[in-house]
Amino acid sequence: MRSSPAPAPGPTPQGFRYTCRGEGNRDAFLGREEITADGEVVYWLQYAGGFIG
């Protein structure tokens, strides 16, 4: 998987930054997304998943 700064690349005028970093493939993956404000983490989520079938 790739790291993505979407949906808001770089800092916004309000000082927020969104990052999402993941690894793996469709069979098994995991990652973490974060929102920071002025360098401090204000939200984070860890995720994991994979192909079921």
N, C-alpha and C. Protein backbone atom coordinates (compact mmCIF):
# COMPACT_ATOMS: atom_id res chain seq x y z
N MET A 1 0.84 -1.18 0.00
CA MET A 1 0.00 0.00 0.00
C MET A 1 0.88 1.23 0.00
N ARG A 2 0.29 2.35 -0.30
CA ARG A 2 1.07 3.58 -0.35
C ARG A 2 0.64 4.55 0.74
N SER A 3 1.52 5.45 1.06
CA SER A 3 1.20 6.50 2.01
C SER A 3 0.52 7.63 1.25
N SER A 4 -0.50 8.22 1.83
CA SER A 4 -1.25 9.24 1.12
C SER A 4 -1.54 10.43 2.01
N PRO A 5 -1.24 11.64 1.53
CA PRO A 5 -1.58 12.82 2.30
C PRO A 5 -3.01 13.30 2.04
N ALA A 6 -3.78 12.57 1.28
CA ALA A 6 -5.16 12.97 0.95
C ALA A 6 -6.04 12.85 2.18
N PRO A 7 -7.12 13.52 2.31
CA PRO A 7 -7.72 14.38 1.30
C PRO A 7 -7.22 15.81 1.32
N ALA A 8 -6.46 16.23 2.30
CA ALA A 8 -5.97 17.61 2.36
C ALA A 8 -4.46 17.61 2.47
N PRO A 9 -3.76 17.53 1.33
CA PRO A 9 -2.29 17.50 1.41
C PRO A 9 -1.74 18.78 2.01
N GLY A 10 -0.79 18.60 2.88
CA GLY A 10 -0.16 19.75 3.52
C GLY A 10 -1.05 20.39 4.56
N PRO A 11 -0.51 21.38 5.23
CA PRO A 11 -1.30 22.05 6.26
C PRO A 11 -2.40 22.91 5.63
N THR A 12 -3.51 23.02 6.31
CA THR A 12 -4.60 23.89 5.88
C THR A 12 -4.38 25.26 6.50
N PRO A 13 -5.14 26.25 6.09
CA PRO A 13 -4.99 27.57 6.74
C PRO A 13 -5.26 27.52 8.25
N GLN A 14 -6.06 26.53 8.68
CA GLN A 14 -6.36 26.41 10.11
C GLN A 14 -5.27 25.65 10.86
N GLY A 15 -4.23 25.17 10.16
CA GLY A 15 -3.13 24.47 10.80
C GLY A 15 -3.32 22.98 10.94
N PHE A 16 -4.33 22.39 10.27
CA PHE A 16 -4.55 20.95 10.33
C PHE A 16 -3.79 20.24 9.23
N ARG A 17 -3.35 19.00 9.51
CA ARG A 17 -2.70 18.18 8.49
C ARG A 17 -3.23 16.75 8.63
N TYR A 18 -3.58 16.14 7.50
CA TYR A 18 -4.06 14.76 7.47
C TYR A 18 -3.00 13.88 6.85
N THR A 19 -2.69 12.75 7.50
CA THR A 19 -1.78 11.76 6.93
C THR A 19 -2.37 10.38 7.12
N CYS A 20 -2.06 9.51 6.17
CA CYS A 20 -2.50 8.12 6.25
C CYS A 20 -1.37 7.25 5.75
N ARG A 21 -0.90 6.34 6.59
CA ARG A 21 0.19 5.45 6.22
C ARG A 21 -0.28 4.02 6.40
N GLY A 22 -0.09 3.22 5.36
CA GLY A 22 -0.50 1.83 5.42
C GLY A 22 0.52 0.93 4.78
N GLU A 23 0.40 -0.35 5.06
CA GLU A 23 1.28 -1.33 4.44
C GLU A 23 0.52 -2.62 4.25
N GLY A 24 1.03 -3.43 3.34
CA GLY A 24 0.41 -4.72 3.05
C GLY A 24 -0.14 -4.75 1.65
N ASN A 25 -1.08 -5.64 1.44
CA ASN A 25 -1.73 -5.79 0.14
C ASN A 25 -3.20 -6.11 0.38
N ARG A 26 -3.92 -6.47 -0.68
CA ARG A 26 -5.36 -6.70 -0.50
C ARG A 26 -5.66 -7.91 0.37
N ASP A 27 -4.71 -8.81 0.51
CA ASP A 27 -4.93 -9.99 1.36
C ASP A 27 -4.80 -9.68 2.84
N ALA A 28 -3.92 -8.76 3.18
CA ALA A 28 -3.71 -8.37 4.59
C ALA A 28 -3.04 -7.00 4.62
N PHE A 29 -3.68 -6.05 5.26
CA PHE A 29 -3.12 -4.71 5.35
C PHE A 29 -3.43 -4.09 6.70
N LEU A 30 -2.66 -3.07 7.04
CA LEU A 30 -2.88 -2.31 8.26
C LEU A 30 -2.31 -0.92 8.07
N GLY A 31 -2.75 -0.01 8.91
CA GLY A 31 -2.25 1.34 8.80
C GLY A 31 -2.79 2.24 9.89
N ARG A 32 -2.46 3.50 9.76
CA ARG A 32 -2.87 4.50 10.74
C ARG A 32 -3.10 5.82 10.02
N GLU A 33 -4.19 6.47 10.37
CA GLU A 33 -4.43 7.83 9.87
C GLU A 33 -4.39 8.78 11.06
N GLU A 34 -3.95 9.99 10.80
CA GLU A 34 -3.84 11.00 11.85
C GLU A 34 -4.26 12.36 11.32
N ILE A 35 -4.79 13.17 12.22
CA ILE A 35 -4.97 14.59 11.97
C ILE A 35 -4.21 15.31 13.06
N THR A 36 -3.35 16.23 12.64
CA THR A 36 -2.60 17.02 13.60
C THR A 36 -2.99 18.48 13.46
N ALA A 37 -2.89 19.21 14.54
CA ALA A 37 -3.12 20.65 14.56
C ALA A 37 -1.90 21.28 15.22
N ASP A 38 -1.21 22.09 14.45
CA ASP A 38 0.01 22.75 14.95
C ASP A 38 0.99 21.75 15.55
N GLY A 39 1.13 20.59 14.89
CA GLY A 39 2.09 19.58 15.29
C GLY A 39 1.62 18.61 16.37
N GLU A 40 0.43 18.79 16.92
CA GLU A 40 -0.10 17.92 17.97
C GLU A 40 -1.20 17.02 17.39
N VAL A 41 -1.13 15.72 17.69
CA VAL A 41 -2.15 14.78 17.20
C VAL A 41 -3.47 15.06 17.90
N VAL A 42 -4.51 15.35 17.10
CA VAL A 42 -5.83 15.61 17.67
C VAL A 42 -6.81 14.48 17.35
N TYR A 43 -6.43 13.59 16.42
CA TYR A 43 -7.26 12.44 16.05
C TYR A 43 -6.34 11.39 15.44
N TRP A 44 -6.59 10.11 15.77
CA TRP A 44 -5.89 9.03 15.10
C TRP A 44 -6.79 7.80 15.04
N LEU A 45 -6.54 6.97 14.06
CA LEU A 45 -7.28 5.73 13.88
C LEU A 45 -6.34 4.69 13.31
N GLN A 46 -6.31 3.51 13.92
CA GLN A 46 -5.57 2.39 13.36
C GLN A 46 -6.57 1.48 12.68
N TYR A 47 -6.20 0.96 11.51
CA TYR A 47 -7.08 0.08 10.78
C TYR A 47 -6.34 -1.17 10.31
N ALA A 48 -7.08 -2.21 10.07
CA ALA A 48 -6.52 -3.46 9.56
C ALA A 48 -7.62 -4.17 8.77
N GLY A 49 -7.23 -4.95 7.82
CA GLY A 49 -8.22 -5.67 7.02
C GLY A 49 -7.55 -6.62 6.07
N GLY A 50 -8.35 -7.18 5.22
CA GLY A 50 -7.84 -8.08 4.19
C GLY A 50 -8.97 -8.73 3.44
N PHE A 51 -8.61 -9.45 2.40
CA PHE A 51 -9.56 -10.11 1.53
C PHE A 51 -10.27 -11.24 2.27
N ILE A 52 -11.57 -11.27 2.17
CA ILE A 52 -12.36 -12.36 2.73
C ILE A 52 -13.02 -13.05 1.55
N GLY A 53 -12.75 -14.29 1.39
CA GLY A 53 -13.41 -14.93 0.28
C GLY A 53 -12.82 -16.22 -0.05
